[in-house]
């Protein structure tokens, strides 16, 4: 008797809807970045660049973080929750330091 492997807990339709949710989140985030130029307090180039920096970070989080580090029905990480890797803290520290260094440079450039 030939046994077939057990079926996955994730059906094709739920996998597709998970992809569509990530795409929707990406579109919403980037539309906010693009339309932030129309808000009077956010018209400077520093704000646009800072929002773009955090937008690409959120896209990377929705791809890698949701798929490989968060546990649940729609992720590849099964079983116990995976501890947050050290490089996540390093990446956040790098983003914040880039934002602060960019703000300092922008203020010097703006005064000239």
PDB file of N, CA and C in Angstrom:
ATOM      1  N   UNK A   1       0.834  -1.174   0.000  1.00  0.00           N
ATOM      2  CA  UNK A   1       0.000   0.000   0.000  1.00  0.00           C
ATOM      3  C   UNK A   1       0.888   1.251   0.000  1.00  0.00           C
ATOM      4  N   UNK A   2       0.607   2.165  -0.912  1.00  0.00           N
ATOM      5  CA  UNK A   2       1.390   3.391  -1.032  1.00  0.00           C
ATOM      6  C   UNK A   2       0.728   4.481  -0.206  1.00  0.00           C
ATOM      7  N   UNK A   3       1.520   5.070   0.646  1.00  0.00           N
ATOM      8  CA  UNK A   3       1.000   6.175   1.456  1.00  0.00           C
ATOM      9  C   UNK A   3       1.418   7.489   0.830  1.00  0.00           C
ATOM     10  N   UNK A   4       0.520   8.399   0.805  1.00  0.00           N
ATOM     11  CA  UNK A   4       0.900   9.724   0.318  1.00  0.00           C
ATOM     12  C   UNK A   4       1.241  10.605   1.505  1.00  0.00           C
ATOM     13  N   UNK A   5       2.067  11.606   1.298  1.00  0.00           N
ATOM     14  CA  UNK A   5       2.465  12.478   2.415  1.00  0.00           C
ATOM     15  C   UNK A   5       1.265  13.260   2.943  1.00  0.00           C
ATOM     16  N   UNK A   6       1.311  13.644   4.209  1.00  0.00           N
ATOM     17  CA  UNK A   6       0.189  14.402   4.768  1.00  0.00           C
ATOM     18  C   UNK A   6       0.028  15.749   4.068  1.00  0.00           C
ATOM     19  N   UNK A   7      -1.190  16.169   3.987  1.00  0.00           N
ATOM     20  CA  UNK A   7      -1.469  17.456   3.344  1.00  0.00           C
ATOM     21  C   UNK A   7      -0.988  18.606   4.216  1.00  0.00           C
ATOM     22  N   UNK A   8      -0.621  19.649   3.569  1.00  0.00           N
ATOM     23  CA  UNK A   8      -0.170  20.837   4.294  1.00  0.00           C
ATOM     24  C   UNK A   8      -1.354  21.493   4.984  1.00  0.00           C
ATOM     25  N   UNK A   9      -1.078  22.162   6.075  1.00  0.00           N
ATOM     26  CA  UNK A   9      -2.148  22.868   6.781  1.00  0.00           C
ATOM     27  C   UNK A   9      -2.526  24.152   6.063  1.00  0.00           C
ATOM     28  N   UNK A  10      -1.748  24.530   5.093  1.00  0.00           N
ATOM     29  CA  UNK A  10      -1.988  25.777   4.384  1.00  0.00           C
ATOM     30  C   UNK A  10      -2.506  25.457   2.981  1.00  0.00           C
ATOM     31  N   UNK A  11      -3.711  25.908   2.699  1.00  0.00           N
ATOM     32  CA  UNK A  11      -4.263  25.647   1.380  1.00  0.00           C
ATOM     33  C   UNK A  11      -3.726  26.662   0.381  1.00  0.00           C
ATOM     34  N   UNK A  12      -3.951  26.389  -0.877  1.00  0.00           N
ATOM     35  CA  UNK A  12      -3.446  27.300  -1.914  1.00  0.00           C
ATOM     36  C   UNK A  12      -4.113  28.664  -1.841  1.00  0.00           C
ATOM     37  N   UNK A  13      -5.386  28.704  -1.518  1.00  0.00           N
ATOM     38  CA  UNK A  13      -6.075  29.995  -1.480  1.00  0.00           C
ATOM     39  C   UNK A  13      -5.594  30.848  -0.320  1.00  0.00           C
ATOM     40  N   UNK A  14      -5.312  30.225   0.839  1.00  0.00           N
ATOM     41  CA  UNK A  14      -4.825  31.028   1.959  1.00  0.00           C
ATOM     42  C   UNK A  14      -3.397  31.489   1.718  1.00  0.00           C
ATOM     43  N   UNK A  15      -2.598  30.687   1.015  1.00  0.00           N
ATOM     44  CA  UNK A  15      -1.240  31.113   0.686  1.00  0.00           C
ATOM     45  C   UNK A  15      -1.278  32.296  -0.277  1.00  0.00           C
ATOM     46  N   UNK A  16      -2.186  32.242  -1.232  1.00  0.00           N
ATOM     47  CA  UNK A  16      -2.303  33.346  -2.176  1.00  0.00           C
ATOM     48  C   UNK A  16      -2.803  34.604  -1.479  1.00  0.00           C
ATOM     49  N   UNK A  17      -3.749  34.444  -0.556  1.00  0.00           N
ATOM     50  CA  UNK A  17      -4.259  35.634   0.126  1.00  0.00           C
ATOM     51  C   UNK A  17      -3.187  36.259   1.001  1.00  0.00           C
ATOM     52  N   UNK A  18      -2.279  35.439   1.551  1.00  0.00           N
ATOM     53  CA  UNK A  18      -1.182  35.980   2.342  1.00  0.00           C
ATOM     54  C   UNK A  18      -0.252  36.811   1.470  1.00  0.00           C
ATOM     55  N   UNK A  19       0.004  36.362   0.263  1.00  0.00           N
ATOM     56  CA  UNK A  19       0.838  37.127  -0.666  1.00  0.00           C
ATOM     57  C   UNK A  19       0.150  38.435  -1.031  1.00  0.00           C
ATOM     58  N   UNK A  20      -1.142  38.378  -1.259  1.00  0.00           N
ATOM     59  CA  UNK A  20      -1.881  39.593  -1.601  1.00  0.00           C
ATOM     60  C   UNK A  20      -1.890  40.577  -0.450  1.00  0.00           C
ATOM     61  N   UNK A  21      -1.943  40.094   0.772  1.00  0.00           N
ATOM     62  CA  UNK A  21      -1.904  40.990   1.934  1.00  0.00           C
ATOM     63  C   UNK A  21      -0.557  41.705   2.015  1.00  0.00           C
ATOM     64  N   UNK A  22       0.525  40.956   1.765  1.00  0.00           N
ATOM     65  CA  UNK A  22       1.855  41.590   1.788  1.00  0.00           C
ATOM     66  C   UNK A  22       1.976  42.618   0.681  1.00  0.00           C
ATOM     67  N   UNK A  23       1.431  42.320  -0.485  1.00  0.00           N
ATOM     68  CA  UNK A  23       1.485  43.277  -1.589  1.00  0.00           C
ATOM     69  C   UNK A  23       0.666  44.519  -1.256  1.00  0.00           C
ATOM     70  N   UNK A  24      -0.481  44.335  -0.634  1.00  0.00           N
ATOM     71  CA  UNK A  24      -1.309  45.473  -0.245  1.00  0.00           C
ATOM     72  C   UNK A  24      -0.597  46.346   0.782  1.00  0.00           C
ATOM     73  N   UNK A  25       0.040  45.729   1.751  1.00  0.00           N
ATOM     74  CA  UNK A  25       0.792  46.492   2.752  1.00  0.00           C
ATOM     75  C   UNK A  25       1.907  47.287   2.085  1.00  0.00           C
ATOM     76  N   UNK A  26       2.604  46.682   1.147  1.00  0.00           N
ATOM     77  CA  UNK A  26       3.679  47.370   0.436  1.00  0.00           C
ATOM     78  C   UNK A  26       3.145  48.549  -0.365  1.00  0.00           C
ATOM     79  N   UNK A  27       2.037  48.364  -1.049  1.00  0.00           N
ATOM     80  CA  UNK A  27       1.445  49.454  -1.843  1.00  0.00           C
ATOM     81  C   UNK A  27       0.992  50.589  -0.944  1.00  0.00           C
ATOM     82  N   UNK A  28       0.384  50.271   0.186  1.00  0.00           N
ATOM     83  CA  UNK A  28      -0.076  51.316   1.114  1.00  0.00           C
ATOM     84  C   UNK A  28       1.105  52.100   1.665  1.00  0.00           C
ATOM     85  N   UNK A  29       2.164  51.411   2.052  1.00  0.00           N
ATOM     86  CA  UNK A  29       3.328  52.103   2.610  1.00  0.00           C
ATOM     87  C   UNK A  29       3.979  53.013   1.574  1.00  0.00           C
ATOM     88  N   UNK A  30       4.180  52.500   0.363  1.00  0.00           N
ATOM     89  CA  UNK A  30       4.815  53.339  -0.653  1.00  0.00           C
ATOM     90  C   UNK A  30       3.901  54.450  -1.153  1.00  0.00           C
ATOM     91  N   UNK A  31       2.604  54.243  -1.131  1.00  0.00           N
ATOM     92  CA  UNK A  31       1.715  55.354  -1.511  1.00  0.00           C
ATOM     93  C   UNK A  31       1.757  56.446  -0.447  1.00  0.00           C
ATOM     94  N   UNK A  32       1.928  56.067   0.826  1.00  0.00           N
ATOM     95  CA  UNK A  32       2.100  57.083   1.858  1.00  0.00           C
ATOM     96  C   UNK A  32       3.386  57.866   1.640  1.00  0.00           C
ATOM     97  N   UNK A  33       4.456  57.177   1.267  1.00  0.00           N
ATOM     98  CA  UNK A  33       5.732  57.858   1.022  1.00  0.00           C
ATOM     99  C   UNK A  33       5.596  58.826  -0.149  1.00  0.00           C
ATOM    100  N   UNK A  34       4.975  58.390  -1.217  1.00  0.00           N
ATOM    101  CA  UNK A  34       4.836  59.243  -2.395  1.00  0.00           C
ATOM    102  C   UNK A  34       3.924  60.439  -2.116  1.00  0.00           C
ATOM    103  N   UNK A  35       2.816  60.195  -1.423  1.00  0.00           N
ATOM    104  CA  UNK A  35       1.871  61.273  -1.177  1.00  0.00           C
ATOM    105  C   UNK A  35       2.260  62.170   0.002  1.00  0.00           C
ATOM    106  N   UNK A  36       3.278  61.796   0.746  1.00  0.00           N
ATOM    107  CA  UNK A  36       3.718  62.651   1.852  1.00  0.00           C
ATOM    108  C   UNK A  36       4.300  63.967   1.338  1.00  0.00           C
ATOM    109  N   UNK A  37       4.690  64.012   0.087  1.00  0.00           N
ATOM    110  CA  UNK A  37       5.216  65.256  -0.483  1.00  0.00           C
ATOM    111  C   UNK A  37       4.136  66.326  -0.588  1.00  0.00           C
ATOM    112  N   UNK A  38       2.867  65.928  -0.533  1.00  0.00           N
ATOM    113  CA  UNK A  38       1.773  66.899  -0.636  1.00  0.00           C
ATOM    114  C   UNK A  38       1.381  67.479   0.714  1.00  0.00           C
ATOM    115  N   UNK A  39       1.894  66.924   1.810  1.00  0.00           N
ATOM    116  CA  UNK A  39       1.617  67.449   3.147  1.00  0.00           C
ATOM    117  C   UNK A  39       2.592  68.591   3.399  1.00  0.00           C
ATOM    118  N   UNK A  40       2.096  69.777   3.785  1.00  0.00           N
ATOM    119  CA  UNK A  40       2.987  70.939   3.908  1.00  0.00           C
ATOM    120  C   UNK A  40       4.176  70.736   4.849  1.00  0.00           C
ATOM    121  N   UNK A  41       4.003  70.048   5.950  1.00  0.00           N
ATOM    122  CA  UNK A  41       5.100  69.867   6.892  1.00  0.00           C
ATOM    123  C   UNK A  41       6.095  68.798   6.483  1.00  0.00           C
ATOM    124  N   UNK A  42       5.800  68.071   5.416  1.00  0.00           N
ATOM    125  CA  UNK A  42       6.656  66.960   5.016  1.00  0.00           C
ATOM    126  C   UNK A  42       7.217  67.143   3.607  1.00  0.00           C
ATOM    127  N   UNK A  43       7.393  68.363   3.183  1.00  0.00           N
ATOM    128  CA  UNK A  43       7.839  68.610   1.815  1.00  0.00           C
ATOM    129  C   UNK A  43       9.346  68.578   1.630  1.00  0.00           C
ATOM    130  N   UNK A  44      10.097  68.538   2.710  1.00  0.00           N
ATOM    131  CA  UNK A  44      11.550  68.576   2.543  1.00  0.00           C
ATOM    132  C   UNK A  44      12.095  67.214   2.113  1.00  0.00           C
ATOM    133  N   UNK A  45      13.288  67.230   1.574  1.00  0.00           N
ATOM    134  CA  UNK A  45      13.890  66.020   1.012  1.00  0.00           C
ATOM    135  C   UNK A  45      14.309  65.048   2.103  1.00  0.00           C
ATOM    136  N   UNK A  46      14.643  65.557   3.288  1.00  0.00           N
ATOM    137  CA  UNK A  46      15.040  64.679   4.384  1.00  0.00           C
ATOM    138  C   UNK A  46      13.887  63.765   4.795  1.00  0.00           C
ATOM    139  N   UNK A  47      12.702  64.320   4.930  1.00  0.00           N
ATOM    140  CA  UNK A  47      11.545  63.527   5.337  1.00  0.00           C
ATOM    141  C   UNK A  47      11.221  62.464   4.292  1.00  0.00           C
ATOM    142  N   UNK A  48      11.315  62.851   3.023  1.00  0.00           N
ATOM    143  CA  UNK A  48      11.056  61.886   1.960  1.00  0.00           C
ATOM    144  C   UNK A  48      12.065  60.737   2.000  1.00  0.00           C
ATOM    145  N   UNK A  49      13.336  61.069   2.177  1.00  0.00           N
ATOM    146  CA  UNK A  49      14.365  60.028   2.236  1.00  0.00           C
ATOM    147  C   UNK A  49      14.223  59.154   3.478  1.00  0.00           C
ATOM    148  N   UNK A  50      13.861  59.758   4.595  1.00  0.00           N
ATOM    149  CA  UNK A  50      13.676  58.996   5.821  1.00  0.00           C
ATOM    150  C   UNK A  50      12.487  58.042   5.694  1.00  0.00           C
ATOM    151  N   UNK A  51      11.394  58.517   5.141  1.00  0.00           N
ATOM    152  CA  UNK A  51      10.240  57.642   4.930  1.00  0.00           C
ATOM    153  C   UNK A  51      10.563  56.524   3.944  1.00  0.00           C
ATOM    154  N   UNK A  52      11.353  56.827   2.929  1.00  0.00           N
ATOM    155  CA  UNK A  52      11.755  55.794   1.968  1.00  0.00           C
ATOM    156  C   UNK A  52      12.631  54.737   2.627  1.00  0.00           C
ATOM    157  N   UNK A  53      13.509  55.172   3.522  1.00  0.00           N
ATOM    158  CA  UNK A  53      14.374  54.238   4.238  1.00  0.00           C
ATOM    159  C   UNK A  53      13.547  53.275   5.083  1.00  0.00           C
ATOM    160  N   UNK A  54      12.568  53.797   5.816  1.00  0.00           N
ATOM    161  CA  UNK A  54      11.747  52.931   6.644  1.00  0.00           C
ATOM    162  C   UNK A  54      10.742  52.136   5.807  1.00  0.00           C
ATOM    163  N   UNK A  55      10.382  52.611   4.637  1.00  0.00           N
ATOM    164  CA  UNK A  55       9.479  51.857   3.761  1.00  0.00           C
ATOM    165  C   UNK A  55      10.170  50.609   3.230  1.00  0.00           C
ATOM    166  N   UNK A  56      11.413  50.734   2.799  1.00  0.00           N
ATOM    167  CA  UNK A  56      12.112  49.550   2.302  1.00  0.00           C
ATOM    168  C   UNK A  56      12.382  48.581   3.440  1.00  0.00           C
ATOM    169  N   UNK A  57      12.575  49.093   4.642  1.00  0.00           N
ATOM    170  CA  UNK A  57      12.751  48.211   5.798  1.00  0.00           C
ATOM    171  C   UNK A  57      11.472  47.441   6.104  1.00  0.00           C
ATOM    172  N   UNK A  58      10.337  48.091   5.964  1.00  0.00           N
ATOM    173  CA  UNK A  58       9.077  47.390   6.224  1.00  0.00           C
ATOM    174  C   UNK A  58       8.796  46.338   5.155  1.00  0.00           C
ATOM    175  N   UNK A  59       9.209  46.598   3.932  1.00  0.00           N
ATOM    176  CA  UNK A  59       9.056  45.597   2.876  1.00  0.00           C
ATOM    177  C   UNK A  59       9.919  44.369   3.182  1.00  0.00           C
ATOM    178  N   UNK A  60      11.144  44.600   3.625  1.00  0.00           N
ATOM    179  CA  UNK A  60      12.001  43.479   3.988  1.00  0.00           C
ATOM    180  C   UNK A  60      11.439  42.711   5.178  1.00  0.00           C
ATOM    181  N   UNK A  61      10.820  43.432   6.121  1.00  0.00           N
ATOM    182  CA  UNK A  61      10.206  42.761   7.265  1.00  0.00           C
ATOM    183  C   UNK A  61       9.011  41.922   6.831  1.00  0.00           C
ATOM    184  N   UNK A  62       8.189  42.446   5.923  1.00  0.00           N
ATOM    185  CA  UNK A  62       7.031  41.661   5.496  1.00  0.00           C
ATOM    186  C   UNK A  62       7.460  40.440   4.702  1.00  0.00           C
ATOM    187  N   UNK A  63       8.608  40.494   4.050  1.00  0.00           N
ATOM    188  CA  UNK A  63       9.061  39.322   3.308  1.00  0.00           C
ATOM    189  C   UNK A  63       9.766  38.318   4.222  1.00  0.00           C
ATOM    190  N   UNK A  64      10.846  38.757   4.861  1.00  0.00           N
ATOM    191  CA  UNK A  64      11.630  37.829   5.662  1.00  0.00           C
ATOM    192  C   UNK A  64      11.008  37.569   7.028  1.00  0.00           C
ATOM    193  N   UNK A  65      10.588  38.614   7.699  1.00  0.00           N
ATOM    194  CA  UNK A  65      10.079  38.455   9.061  1.00  0.00           C
ATOM    195  C   UNK A  65       8.818  37.635   9.132  1.00  0.00           C
ATOM    196  N   UNK A  66       7.862  37.927   8.279  1.00  0.00           N
ATOM    197  CA  UNK A  66       6.599  37.198   8.314  1.00  0.00           C
ATOM    198  C   UNK A  66       6.796  35.759   7.857  1.00  0.00           C
ATOM    199  N   UNK A  67       7.606  35.548   6.865  1.00  0.00           N
ATOM    200  CA  UNK A  67       7.770  34.196   6.335  1.00  0.00           C
ATOM    201  C   UNK A  67       8.645  33.307   7.200  1.00  0.00           C
ATOM    202  N   UNK A  68       9.735  33.833   7.727  1.00  0.00           N
ATOM    203  CA  UNK A  68      10.725  32.971   8.345  1.00  0.00           C
ATOM    204  C   UNK A  68      10.862  33.123   9.854  1.00  0.00           C
ATOM    205  N   UNK A  69      10.425  34.228  10.419  1.00  0.00           N
ATOM    206  CA  UNK A  69      10.646  34.416  11.848  1.00  0.00           C
ATOM    207  C   UNK A  69       9.377  34.395  12.679  1.00  0.00           C
ATOM    208  N   UNK A  70       8.262  34.818  12.146  1.00  0.00           N
ATOM    209  CA  UNK A  70       7.013  34.770  12.902  1.00  0.00           C
ATOM    210  C   UNK A  70       6.369  33.412  12.681  1.00  0.00           C
ATOM    211  N   UNK A  71       5.826  32.862  13.744  1.00  0.00           N
ATOM    212  CA  UNK A  71       5.184  31.564  13.606  1.00  0.00           C
ATOM    213  C   UNK A  71       3.699  31.761  13.386  1.00  0.00           C
ATOM    214  N   UNK A  72       3.099  30.791  12.762  1.00  0.00           N
ATOM    215  CA  UNK A  72       1.666  30.854  12.519  1.00  0.00           C
ATOM    216  C   UNK A  72       1.301  30.012  11.321  1.00  0.00           C
ATOM    217  N   UNK A  73       0.060  30.107  10.936  1.00  0.00           N
ATOM    218  CA  UNK A  73      -0.445  29.289   9.848  1.00  0.00           C
ATOM    219  C   UNK A  73       0.168  29.664   8.512  1.00  0.00           C
ATOM    220  N   UNK A  74       0.450  30.951   8.302  1.00  0.00           N
ATOM    221  CA  UNK A  74       0.896  31.413   6.994  1.00  0.00           C
ATOM    222  C   UNK A  74       2.390  31.675   6.930  1.00  0.00           C
ATOM    223  N   UNK A  75       3.156  31.017   7.749  1.00  0.00           N
ATOM    224  CA  UNK A  75       4.602  31.240   7.713  1.00  0.00           C
ATOM    225  C   UNK A  75       5.323  29.912   7.565  1.00  0.00           C
ATOM    226  N   UNK A  76       6.573  29.989   7.172  1.00  0.00           N
ATOM    227  CA  UNK A  76       7.390  28.794   7.019  1.00  0.00           C
ATOM    228  C   UNK A  76       8.016  28.373   8.342  1.00  0.00           C
ATOM    229  N   UNK A  77       8.011  29.272   9.319  1.00  0.00           N
ATOM    230  CA  UNK A  77       8.561  28.945  10.631  1.00  0.00           C
ATOM    231  C   UNK A  77       7.499  28.187  11.413  1.00  0.00           C
ATOM    232  N   UNK A  78       7.746  26.957  11.665  1.00  0.00           N
ATOM    233  CA  UNK A  78       6.750  26.150  12.369  1.00  0.00           C
ATOM    234  C   UNK A  78       7.195  25.873  13.789  1.00  0.00           C
ATOM    235  N   UNK A  79       6.252  25.506  14.621  1.00  0.00           N
ATOM    236  CA  UNK A  79       6.588  25.127  15.983  1.00  0.00           C
ATOM    237  C   UNK A  79       6.737  26.309  16.901  1.00  0.00           C
ATOM    238  N   UNK A  80       7.744  26.218  17.757  1.00  0.00           N
ATOM    239  CA  UNK A  80       7.976  27.253  18.762  1.00  0.00           C
ATOM    240  C   UNK A  80       8.428  28.550  18.108  1.00  0.00           C
ATOM    241  N   UNK A  81       8.090  29.673  18.731  1.00  0.00           N
ATOM    242  CA  UNK A  81       8.545  30.957  18.186  1.00  0.00           C
ATOM    243  C   UNK A  81      10.069  31.052  18.186  1.00  0.00           C
ATOM    244  N   UNK A  82      10.591  31.556  17.112  1.00  0.00           N
ATOM    245  CA  UNK A  82      12.030  31.720  16.970  1.00  0.00           C
ATOM    246  C   UNK A  82      12.430  33.002  17.687  1.00  0.00           C
ATOM    247  N   UNK A  83      13.494  32.970  18.492  1.00  0.00           N
ATOM    248  CA  UNK A  83      13.925  34.219  19.132  1.00  0.00           C
ATOM    249  C   UNK A  83      14.381  35.235  18.090  1.00  0.00           C
ATOM    250  N   UNK A  84      14.229  36.486  18.425  1.00  0.00           N
ATOM    251  CA  UNK A  84      14.612  37.545  17.492  1.00  0.00           C
ATOM    252  C   UNK A  84      16.122  37.509  17.313  1.00  0.00           C
ATOM    253  N   UNK A  85      16.587  37.379  16.066  1.00  0.00           N
ATOM    254  CA  UNK A  85      18.035  37.318  15.836  1.00  0.00           C
ATOM    255  C   UNK A  85      18.721  38.640  16.168  1.00  0.00           C
ATOM    256  N   UNK A  86      19.996  38.565  16.435  1.00  0.00           N
ATOM    257  CA  UNK A  86      20.772  39.739  16.821  1.00  0.00           C
ATOM    258  C   UNK A  86      20.833  40.759  15.691  1.00  0.00           C
ATOM    259  N   UNK A  87      20.854  40.302  14.433  1.00  0.00           N
ATOM    260  CA  UNK A  87      20.987  41.238  13.318  1.00  0.00           C
ATOM    261  C   UNK A  87      19.770  42.155  13.177  1.00  0.00           C
ATOM    262  N   UNK A  88      18.637  41.768  13.739  1.00  0.00           N
ATOM    263  CA  UNK A  88      17.470  42.655  13.708  1.00  0.00           C
ATOM    264  C   UNK A  88      17.737  43.891  14.556  1.00  0.00           C
ATOM    265  N   UNK A  89      18.309  43.680  15.734  1.00  0.00           N
ATOM    266  CA  UNK A  89      18.655  44.817  16.591  1.00  0.00           C
ATOM    267  C   UNK A  89      19.738  45.681  15.943  1.00  0.00           C
ATOM    268  N   UNK A  90      20.679  45.045  15.290  1.00  0.00           N
ATOM    269  CA  UNK A  90      21.739  45.789  14.597  1.00  0.00           C
ATOM    270  C   UNK A  90      21.139  46.594  13.450  1.00  0.00           C
ATOM    271  N   UNK A  91      20.211  46.008  12.705  1.00  0.00           N
ATOM    272  CA  UNK A  91      19.582  46.716  11.588  1.00  0.00           C
ATOM    273  C   UNK A  91      18.788  47.922  12.076  1.00  0.00           C
ATOM    274  N   UNK A  92      18.068  47.776  13.185  1.00  0.00           N
ATOM    275  CA  UNK A  92      17.316  48.905  13.741  1.00  0.00           C
ATOM    276  C   UNK A  92      18.271  49.997  14.204  1.00  0.00           C
ATOM    277  N   UNK A  93      19.369  49.606  14.850  1.00  0.00           N
ATOM    278  CA  UNK A  93      20.356  50.597  15.296  1.00  0.00           C
ATOM    279  C   UNK A  93      20.983  51.315  14.103  1.00  0.00           C
ATOM    280  N   UNK A  94      21.257  50.594  13.028  1.00  0.00           N
ATOM    281  CA  UNK A  94      21.828  51.214  11.833  1.00  0.00           C
ATOM    282  C   UNK A  94      20.831  52.188  11.211  1.00  0.00           C
ATOM    283  N   UNK A  95      19.560  51.809  11.136  1.00  0.00           N
ATOM    284  CA  UNK A  95      18.547  52.707  10.571  1.00  0.00           C
ATOM    285  C   UNK A  95      18.400  53.981  11.388  1.00  0.00           C
ATOM    286  N   UNK A  96      18.375  53.839  12.698  1.00  0.00           N
ATOM    287  CA  UNK A  96      18.240  55.025  13.551  1.00  0.00           C
ATOM    288  C   UNK A  96      19.484  55.899  13.449  1.00  0.00           C
ATOM    289  N   UNK A  97      20.665  55.285  13.422  1.00  0.00           N
ATOM    290  CA  UNK A  97      21.889  56.095  13.303  1.00  0.00           C
ATOM    291  C   UNK A  97      21.974  56.777  11.937  1.00  0.00           C
ATOM    292  N   UNK A  98      21.546  56.104  10.883  1.00  0.00           N
ATOM    293  CA  UNK A  98      21.501  56.755   9.565  1.00  0.00           C
ATOM    294  C   UNK A  98      20.526  57.931   9.561  1.00  0.00           C
ATOM    295  N   UNK A  99      19.399  57.769  10.233  1.00  0.00           N
ATOM    296  CA  UNK A  99      18.422  58.854  10.302  1.00  0.00           C
ATOM    297  C   UNK A  99      18.988  60.058  11.056  1.00  0.00           C
ATOM    298  N   UNK A 100      19.676  59.797  12.158  1.00  0.00           N
ATOM    299  CA  UNK A 100      20.248  60.901  12.945  1.00  0.00           C
ATOM    300  C   UNK A 100      21.384  61.579  12.178  1.00  0.00           C
ATOM    301  N   UNK A 101      22.267  60.792  11.561  1.00  0.00           N
ATOM    302  CA  UNK A 101      23.364  61.390  10.788  1.00  0.00           C
ATOM    303  C   UNK A 101      22.827  62.165   9.582  1.00  0.00           C
ATOM    304  N   UNK A 102      21.790  61.648   8.960  1.00  0.00           N
ATOM    305  CA  UNK A 102      21.182  62.357   7.839  1.00  0.00           C
ATOM    306  C   UNK A 102      20.548  63.662   8.270  1.00  0.00           C
ATOM    307  N   UNK A 103      19.929  63.679   9.459  1.00  0.00           N
ATOM    308  CA  UNK A 103      19.312  64.905   9.962  1.00  0.00           C
ATOM    309  C   UNK A 103      20.375  65.960  10.253  1.00  0.00           C
ATOM    310  N   UNK A 104      21.496  65.537  10.838  1.00  0.00           N
ATOM    311  CA  UNK A 104      22.584  66.487  11.130  1.00  0.00           C
ATOM    312  C   UNK A 104      23.143  67.063   9.830  1.00  0.00           C
ATOM    313  N   UNK A 105      23.401  66.226   8.849  1.00  0.00           N
ATOM    314  CA  UNK A 105      23.907  66.695   7.549  1.00  0.00           C
ATOM    315  C   UNK A 105      22.898  67.583   6.841  1.00  0.00           C
ATOM    316  N   UNK A 106      21.625  67.224   6.953  1.00  0.00           N
ATOM    317  CA  UNK A 106      20.586  68.023   6.298  1.00  0.00           C
ATOM    318  C   UNK A 106      20.488  69.414   6.901  1.00  0.00           C
ATOM    319  N   UNK A 107      20.592  69.492   8.216  1.00  0.00           N
ATOM    320  CA  UNK A 107      20.537  70.807   8.882  1.00  0.00           C
ATOM    321  C   UNK A 107      21.738  71.658   8.482  1.00  0.00           C
ATOM    322  N   UNK A 108      22.921  71.072   8.354  1.00  0.00           N
ATOM    323  CA  UNK A 108      24.090  71.829   7.911  1.00  0.00           C
ATOM    324  C   UNK A 108      23.918  72.284   6.472  1.00  0.00           C
ATOM    325  N   UNK A 109      23.381  71.409   5.629  1.00  0.00           N
ATOM    326  CA  UNK A 109      23.167  71.761   4.229  1.00  0.00           C
ATOM    327  C   UNK A 109      22.083  72.818   4.084  1.00  0.00           C
ATOM    328  N   UNK A 110      21.075  72.762   4.918  1.00  0.00           N
ATOM    329  CA  UNK A 110      19.965  73.714   4.833  1.00  0.00           C
ATOM    330  C   UNK A 110      20.418  75.124   5.228  1.00  0.00           C
ATOM    331  N   UNK A 111      21.357  75.253   6.136  1.00  0.00           N
ATOM    332  CA  UNK A 111      21.823  76.562   6.585  1.00  0.00           C
ATOM    333  C   UNK A 111      22.641  77.285   5.532  1.00  0.00           C
ATOM    334  N   UNK A 112      23.258  76.544   4.617  1.00  0.00           N
ATOM    335  CA  UNK A 112      24.129  77.180   3.610  1.00  0.00           C
ATOM    336  C   UNK A 112      23.335  77.898   2.573  1.00  0.00           C
TER     337      UNK A 112
END
